[in-house]
Amino acid sequence: LLVSGVGWGFIPSHHIEQELASGTLKHI
């Protein structure tokens, strides 16, 4: 849901390492 842009939220960083690296998700 975060990747699809439904909203923002808290998530463990180890779950989204690739998304952060690719820019799919952005740390607020």
PDB file of all heavy atoms in Angstrom:
ATOM      1  N   LEU A   1       0.825  -1.207   0.000  1.00  0.00           N
ATOM      2  CA  LEU A   1       0.000   0.000   0.000  1.00  0.00           C
ATOM      3  C   LEU A   1       0.864   1.264   0.000  1.00  0.00           C
ATOM      4  O   LEU A   1       0.528   2.264  -0.647  1.00  0.00           O
ATOM      5  CB  LEU A   1      -0.930   0.000   1.208  1.00  0.00           C
ATOM      6  CG  LEU A   1      -2.039  -1.052   1.197  1.00  0.00           C
ATOM      7  CD1 LEU A   1      -2.755  -1.096   2.539  1.00  0.00           C
ATOM      8  CD2 LEU A   1      -3.035  -0.772   0.078  1.00  0.00           C
ATOM      9  N   LEU A   2       1.967   1.229   0.714  1.00  0.00           N
ATOM     10  CA  LEU A   2       2.877   2.367   0.727  1.00  0.00           C
ATOM     11  C   LEU A   2       3.468   2.609  -0.662  1.00  0.00           C
ATOM     12  O   LEU A   2       3.513   3.747  -1.139  1.00  0.00           O
ATOM     13  CB  LEU A   2       4.001   2.137   1.740  1.00  0.00           C
ATOM     14  CG  LEU A   2       3.621   2.202   3.223  1.00  0.00           C
ATOM     15  CD1 LEU A   2       4.761   1.680   4.094  1.00  0.00           C
ATOM     16  CD2 LEU A   2       3.250   3.625   3.627  1.00  0.00           C
ATOM     17  N   VAL A   3       3.896   1.533  -1.302  1.00  0.00           N
ATOM     18  CA  VAL A   3       4.484   1.647  -2.638  1.00  0.00           C
ATOM     19  C   VAL A   3       3.466   2.173  -3.646  1.00  0.00           C
ATOM     20  O   VAL A   3       3.797   2.964  -4.538  1.00  0.00           O
ATOM     21  CB  VAL A   3       5.055   0.288  -3.102  1.00  0.00           C
ATOM     22  CG1 VAL A   3       5.444   0.329  -4.571  1.00  0.00           C
ATOM     23  CG2 VAL A   3       6.258  -0.106  -2.251  1.00  0.00           C
ATOM     24  N   SER A   4       2.209   1.750  -3.499  1.00  0.00           N
ATOM     25  CA  SER A   4       1.169   2.167  -4.448  1.00  0.00           C
ATOM     26  C   SER A   4       0.717   3.613  -4.234  1.00  0.00           C
ATOM     27  O   SER A   4      -0.025   4.157  -5.050  1.00  0.00           O
ATOM     28  CB  SER A   4      -0.040   1.239  -4.335  1.00  0.00           C
ATOM     29  OG  SER A   4      -0.687   1.389  -3.083  1.00  0.00           O
ATOM     30  N   GLY A   5       1.144   4.229  -3.123  1.00  0.00           N
ATOM     31  CA  GLY A   5       0.812   5.627  -2.888  1.00  0.00           C
ATOM     32  C   GLY A   5      -0.506   5.864  -2.185  1.00  0.00           C
ATOM     33  O   GLY A   5      -1.068   6.958  -2.262  1.00  0.00           O
ATOM     34  N   VAL A   6      -1.003   4.846  -1.461  1.00  0.00           N
ATOM     35  CA  VAL A   6      -2.258   5.023  -0.721  1.00  0.00           C
ATOM     36  C   VAL A   6      -2.082   6.016   0.420  1.00  0.00           C
ATOM     37  O   VAL A   6      -2.981   6.794   0.733  1.00  0.00           O
ATOM     38  CB  VAL A   6      -2.771   3.662  -0.185  1.00  0.00           C
ATOM     39  CG1 VAL A   6      -3.967   3.857   0.740  1.00  0.00           C
ATOM     40  CG2 VAL A   6      -3.139   2.742  -1.342  1.00  0.00           C
ATOM     41  N   GLY A   7      -0.929   5.994   1.058  1.00  0.00           N
ATOM     42  CA  GLY A   7      -0.679   6.885   2.181  1.00  0.00           C
ATOM     43  C   GLY A   7       0.752   6.731   2.672  1.00  0.00           C
ATOM     44  O   GLY A   7       1.548   6.004   2.075  1.00  0.00           O
ATOM     45  N   TRP A   8       1.083   7.397   3.767  1.00  0.00           N
ATOM     46  CA  TRP A   8       2.391   7.271   4.384  1.00  0.00           C
ATOM     47  C   TRP A   8       2.270   6.381   5.618  1.00  0.00           C
ATOM     48  O   TRP A   8       1.168   6.149   6.128  1.00  0.00           O
ATOM     49  CB  TRP A   8       2.944   8.644   4.788  1.00  0.00           C
ATOM     50  CG  TRP A   8       2.193   9.287   5.931  1.00  0.00           C
ATOM     51  CD1 TRP A   8       1.073  10.055   5.846  1.00  0.00           C
ATOM     52  CD2 TRP A   8       2.497   9.193   7.325  1.00  0.00           C
ATOM     53  NE1 TRP A   8       0.650  10.453   7.086  1.00  0.00           N
ATOM     54  CE2 TRP A   8       1.510   9.940   8.020  1.00  0.00           C
ATOM     55  CE3 TRP A   8       3.504   8.559   8.057  1.00  0.00           C
ATOM     56  CZ2 TRP A   8       1.511  10.063   9.405  1.00  0.00           C
ATOM     57  CZ3 TRP A   8       3.499   8.685   9.443  1.00  0.00           C
ATOM     58  CH2 TRP A   8       2.515   9.418  10.108  1.00  0.00           C
ATOM     59  N   GLY A   9       3.380   5.865   6.112  1.00  0.00           N
ATOM     60  CA  GLY A   9       3.309   5.023   7.302  1.00  0.00           C
ATOM     61  C   GLY A   9       4.672   4.614   7.802  1.00  0.00           C
ATOM     62  O   GLY A   9       5.695   4.832   7.141  1.00  0.00           O
ATOM     63  N   PHE A  10       4.685   4.031   8.990  1.00  0.00           N
ATOM     64  CA  PHE A  10       5.904   3.499   9.595  1.00  0.00           C
ATOM     65  C   PHE A  10       6.090   2.045   9.178  1.00  0.00           C
ATOM     66  O   PHE A  10       5.133   1.257   9.184  1.00  0.00           O
ATOM     67  CB  PHE A  10       5.817   3.564  11.124  1.00  0.00           C
ATOM     68  CG  PHE A  10       6.025   4.946  11.675  1.00  0.00           C
ATOM     69  CD1 PHE A  10       4.950   5.799  11.888  1.00  0.00           C
ATOM     70  CD2 PHE A  10       7.304   5.391  11.979  1.00  0.00           C
ATOM     71  CE1 PHE A  10       5.142   7.073  12.403  1.00  0.00           C
ATOM     72  CE2 PHE A  10       7.508   6.662  12.497  1.00  0.00           C
ATOM     73  CZ  PHE A  10       6.426   7.504  12.710  1.00  0.00           C
ATOM     74  N   ILE A  11       7.318   1.676   8.871  1.00  0.00           N
ATOM     75  CA  ILE A  11       7.619   0.301   8.481  1.00  0.00           C
ATOM     76  C   ILE A  11       9.076   0.012   8.830  1.00  0.00           C
ATOM     77  O   ILE A  11       9.926   0.921   8.779  1.00  0.00           O
ATOM     78  CB  ILE A  11       7.361   0.091   6.960  1.00  0.00           C
ATOM     79  CG1 ILE A  11       7.418  -1.396   6.597  1.00  0.00           C
ATOM     80  CG2 ILE A  11       8.319   0.912   6.110  1.00  0.00           C
ATOM     81  CD1 ILE A  11       6.896  -1.704   5.197  1.00  0.00           C
ATOM     82  N   PRO A  12       9.406  -1.222   9.214  1.00  0.00           N
ATOM     83  CA  PRO A  12      10.804  -1.560   9.493  1.00  0.00           C
ATOM     84  C   PRO A  12      11.676  -1.314   8.255  1.00  0.00           C
ATOM     85  O   PRO A  12      11.304  -1.697   7.144  1.00  0.00           O
ATOM     86  CB  PRO A  12      10.746  -3.045   9.848  1.00  0.00           C
ATOM     87  CG  PRO A  12       9.362  -3.254  10.367  1.00  0.00           C
ATOM     88  CD  PRO A  12       8.504  -2.344   9.553  1.00  0.00           C
ATOM     89  N   SER A  13      12.811  -0.692   8.454  1.00  0.00           N
ATOM     90  CA  SER A  13      13.673  -0.310   7.330  1.00  0.00           C
ATOM     91  C   SER A  13      14.199  -1.517   6.565  1.00  0.00           C
ATOM     92  O   SER A  13      14.442  -1.430   5.359  1.00  0.00           O
ATOM     93  CB  SER A  13      14.835   0.549   7.826  1.00  0.00           C
ATOM     94  OG  SER A  13      15.592  -0.139   8.819  1.00  0.00           O
ATOM     95  N   HIS A  14      14.377  -2.676   7.244  1.00  0.00           N
ATOM     96  CA  HIS A  14      14.908  -3.840   6.528  1.00  0.00           C
ATOM     97  C   HIS A  14      13.907  -4.420   5.530  1.00  0.00           C
ATOM     98  O   HIS A  14      14.279  -5.198   4.662  1.00  0.00           O
ATOM     99  CB  HIS A  14      15.344  -4.925   7.519  1.00  0.00           C
ATOM    100  CG  HIS A  14      14.234  -5.497   8.348  1.00  0.00           C
ATOM    101  ND1 HIS A  14      13.886  -4.980   9.575  1.00  0.00           N
ATOM    102  CD2 HIS A  14      13.384  -6.540   8.133  1.00  0.00           C
ATOM    103  CE1 HIS A  14      12.882  -5.679  10.078  1.00  0.00           C
ATOM    104  NE2 HIS A  14      12.555  -6.622   9.219  1.00  0.00           N
ATOM    105  N   HIS A  15      12.627  -4.056   5.661  1.00  0.00           N
ATOM    106  CA  HIS A  15      11.613  -4.520   4.716  1.00  0.00           C
ATOM    107  C   HIS A  15      11.632  -3.734   3.403  1.00  0.00           C
ATOM    108  O   HIS A  15      11.063  -4.189   2.403  1.00  0.00           O
ATOM    109  CB  HIS A  15      10.215  -4.399   5.330  1.00  0.00           C
ATOM    110  CG  HIS A  15       9.845  -5.526   6.233  1.00  0.00           C
ATOM    111  ND1 HIS A  15      10.100  -6.848   5.937  1.00  0.00           N
ATOM    112  CD2 HIS A  15       9.213  -5.551   7.440  1.00  0.00           C
ATOM    113  CE1 HIS A  15       9.666  -7.619   6.914  1.00  0.00           C
ATOM    114  NE2 HIS A  15       9.131  -6.849   7.836  1.00  0.00           N
ATOM    115  N   ILE A  16      12.242  -2.560   3.406  1.00  0.00           N
ATOM    116  CA  ILE A  16      12.124  -1.679   2.244  1.00  0.00           C
ATOM    117  C   ILE A  16      13.481  -1.188   1.752  1.00  0.00           C
ATOM    118  O   ILE A  16      13.575  -0.108   1.156  1.00  0.00           O
ATOM    119  CB  ILE A  16      11.216  -0.466   2.576  1.00  0.00           C
ATOM    120  CG1 ILE A  16      11.714   0.247   3.838  1.00  0.00           C
ATOM    121  CG2 ILE A  16       9.766  -0.893   2.727  1.00  0.00           C
ATOM    122  CD1 ILE A  16      11.076   1.594   4.070  1.00  0.00           C
ATOM    123  N   GLU A  17      14.524  -1.960   1.953  1.00  0.00           N
ATOM    124  CA  GLU A  17      15.861  -1.526   1.535  1.00  0.00           C
ATOM    125  C   GLU A  17      15.916  -1.269   0.030  1.00  0.00           C
ATOM    126  O   GLU A  17      16.485  -0.274  -0.427  1.00  0.00           O
ATOM    127  CB  GLU A  17      16.899  -2.583   1.951  1.00  0.00           C
ATOM    128  CG  GLU A  17      17.115  -2.662   3.456  1.00  0.00           C
ATOM    129  CD  GLU A  17      18.077  -3.771   3.836  1.00  0.00           C
ATOM    130  OE1 GLU A  17      18.412  -4.588   2.947  1.00  0.00           O
ATOM    131  OE2 GLU A  17      18.492  -3.820   5.012  1.00  0.00           O
ATOM    132  N   GLN A  18      15.347  -2.182  -0.754  1.00  0.00           N
ATOM    133  CA  GLN A  18      15.373  -2.019  -2.217  1.00  0.00           C
ATOM    134  C   GLN A  18      14.538  -0.828  -2.665  1.00  0.00           C
ATOM    135  O   GLN A  18      14.934  -0.090  -3.567  1.00  0.00           O
ATOM    136  CB  GLN A  18      14.869  -3.296  -2.900  1.00  0.00           C
ATOM    137  CG  GLN A  18      15.788  -4.491  -2.710  1.00  0.00           C
ATOM    138  CD  GLN A  18      15.291  -5.715  -3.455  1.00  0.00           C
ATOM    139  OE1 GLN A  18      14.239  -5.703  -4.100  1.00  0.00           O
ATOM    140  NE2 GLN A  18      16.052  -6.793  -3.375  1.00  0.00           N
ATOM    141  N   GLU A  19      13.396  -0.636  -2.024  1.00  0.00           N
ATOM    142  CA  GLU A  19      12.510   0.474  -2.394  1.00  0.00           C
ATOM    143  C   GLU A  19      13.154   1.825  -2.081  1.00  0.00           C
ATOM    144  O   GLU A  19      13.014   2.780  -2.846  1.00  0.00           O
ATOM    145  CB  GLU A  19      11.174   0.340  -1.671  1.00  0.00           C
ATOM    146  CG  GLU A  19      10.270  -0.763  -2.192  1.00  0.00           C
ATOM    147  CD  GLU A  19      10.734  -2.156  -1.789  1.00  0.00           C
ATOM    148  OE1 GLU A  19      11.561  -2.260  -0.848  1.00  0.00           O
ATOM    149  OE2 GLU A  19      10.267  -3.137  -2.402  1.00  0.00           O
ATOM    150  N   LEU A  20      13.862   1.887  -0.956  1.00  0.00           N
ATOM    151  CA  LEU A  20      14.554   3.126  -0.618  1.00  0.00           C
ATOM    152  C   LEU A  20      15.699   3.395  -1.594  1.00  0.00           C
ATOM    153  O   LEU A  20      15.937   4.532  -2.005  1.00  0.00           O
ATOM    154  CB  LEU A  20      15.092   3.057   0.815  1.00  0.00           C
ATOM    155  CG  LEU A  20      14.057   3.115   1.946  1.00  0.00           C
ATOM    156  CD1 LEU A  20      14.735   2.868   3.282  1.00  0.00           C
ATOM    157  CD2 LEU A  20      13.324   4.454   1.962  1.00  0.00           C
ATOM    158  N   ALA A  21      16.410   2.325  -1.973  1.00  0.00           N
ATOM    159  CA  ALA A  21      17.536   2.474  -2.897  1.00  0.00           C
ATOM    160  C   ALA A  21      17.073   2.905  -4.289  1.00  0.00           C
ATOM    161  O   ALA A  21      17.736   3.704  -4.958  1.00  0.00           O
ATOM    162  CB  ALA A  21      18.316   1.168  -2.979  1.00  0.00           C
ATOM    163  N   SER A  22      15.931   2.371  -4.715  1.00  0.00           N
ATOM    164  CA  SER A  22      15.423   2.682  -6.059  1.00  0.00           C
ATOM    165  C   SER A  22      14.616   3.967  -6.111  1.00  0.00           C
ATOM    166  O   SER A  22      14.313   4.475  -7.194  1.00  0.00           O
ATOM    167  CB  SER A  22      14.556   1.529  -6.568  1.00  0.00           C
ATOM    168  OG  SER A  22      13.373   1.397  -5.783  1.00  0.00           O
ATOM    169  N   GLY A  23      14.239   4.497  -4.948  1.00  0.00           N
ATOM    170  CA  GLY A  23      13.427   5.704  -4.902  1.00  0.00           C
ATOM    171  C   GLY A  23      11.938   5.455  -4.972  1.00  0.00           C
ATOM    172  O   GLY A  23      11.145   6.399  -5.031  1.00  0.00           O
ATOM    173  N   THR A  24      11.535   4.171  -4.940  1.00  0.00           N
ATOM    174  CA  THR A  24      10.104   3.834  -4.940  1.00  0.00           C
ATOM    175  C   THR A  24       9.428   4.350  -3.679  1.00  0.00           C
ATOM    176  O   THR A  24       8.264   4.750  -3.705  1.00  0.00           O
ATOM    177  CB  THR A  24       9.902   2.312  -5.052  1.00  0.00           C
ATOM    178  OG1 THR A  24      10.648   1.819  -6.163  1.00  0.00           O
ATOM    179  CG2 THR A  24       8.429   1.974  -5.242  1.00  0.00           C
ATOM    180  N   LEU A  25      10.170   4.308  -2.562  1.00  0.00           N
ATOM    181  CA  LEU A  25       9.707   4.903  -1.311  1.00  0.00           C
ATOM    182  C   LEU A  25      10.754   5.899  -0.824  1.00  0.00           C
ATOM    183  O   LEU A  25      11.956   5.725  -1.062  1.00  0.00           O
ATOM    184  CB  LEU A  25       9.465   3.826  -0.245  1.00  0.00           C
ATOM    185  CG  LEU A  25       8.257   2.915  -0.443  1.00  0.00           C
ATOM    186  CD1 LEU A  25       8.238   1.825   0.618  1.00  0.00           C
ATOM    187  CD2 LEU A  25       6.958   3.711  -0.402  1.00  0.00           C
ATOM    188  N   LYS A  26      10.285   6.902  -0.103  1.00  0.00           N
ATOM    189  CA  LYS A  26      11.170   7.943   0.388  1.00  0.00           C
ATOM    190  C   LYS A  26      11.020   8.082   1.897  1.00  0.00           C
ATOM    191  O   LYS A  26       9.910   8.113   2.418  1.00  0.00           O
ATOM    192  CB  LYS A  26      10.827   9.272  -0.301  1.00  0.00           C
ATOM    193  CG  LYS A  26      11.699  10.438   0.122  1.00  0.00           C
ATOM    194  CD  LYS A  26      11.282  11.714  -0.581  1.00  0.00           C
ATOM    195  CE  LYS A  26      12.128  12.898  -0.122  1.00  0.00           C
ATOM    196  NZ  LYS A  26      11.690  14.158  -0.778  1.00  0.00           N
ATOM    197  N   HIS A  27      12.150   8.143   2.586  1.00  0.00           N
ATOM    198  CA  HIS A  27      12.147   8.358   4.036  1.00  0.00           C
ATOM    199  C   HIS A  27      11.684   9.785   4.321  1.00  0.00           C
ATOM    200  O   HIS A  27      12.201  10.748   3.756  1.00  0.00           O
ATOM    201  CB  HIS A  27      13.541   8.125   4.598  1.00  0.00           C
ATOM    202  CG  HIS A  27      13.632   8.342   6.068  1.00  0.00           C
ATOM    203  ND1 HIS A  27      14.786   8.722   6.698  1.00  0.00           N
ATOM    204  CD2 HIS A  27      12.687   8.248   7.057  1.00  0.00           C
ATOM    205  CE1 HIS A  27      14.581   8.855   7.994  1.00  0.00           C
ATOM    206  NE2 HIS A  27      13.311   8.570   8.239  1.00  0.00           N
ATOM    207  N   ILE A  28      10.703   9.924   5.192  1.00  0.00           N
ATOM    208  CA  ILE A  28      10.170  11.249   5.537  1.00  0.00           C
ATOM    209  C   ILE A  28      11.061  11.878   6.612  1.00  0.00           C
ATOM    210  O   ILE A  28      11.193  11.357   7.714  1.00  0.00           O
ATOM    211  CB  ILE A  28       8.719  11.140   6.060  1.00  0.00           C
ATOM    212  CG1 ILE A  28       7.814  10.518   4.991  1.00  0.00           C
ATOM    213  CG2 ILE A  28       8.197  12.511   6.459  1.00  0.00           C
ATOM    214  CD1 ILE A  28       6.421  10.179   5.498  1.00  0.00           C
TER     215      ILE A  28
END
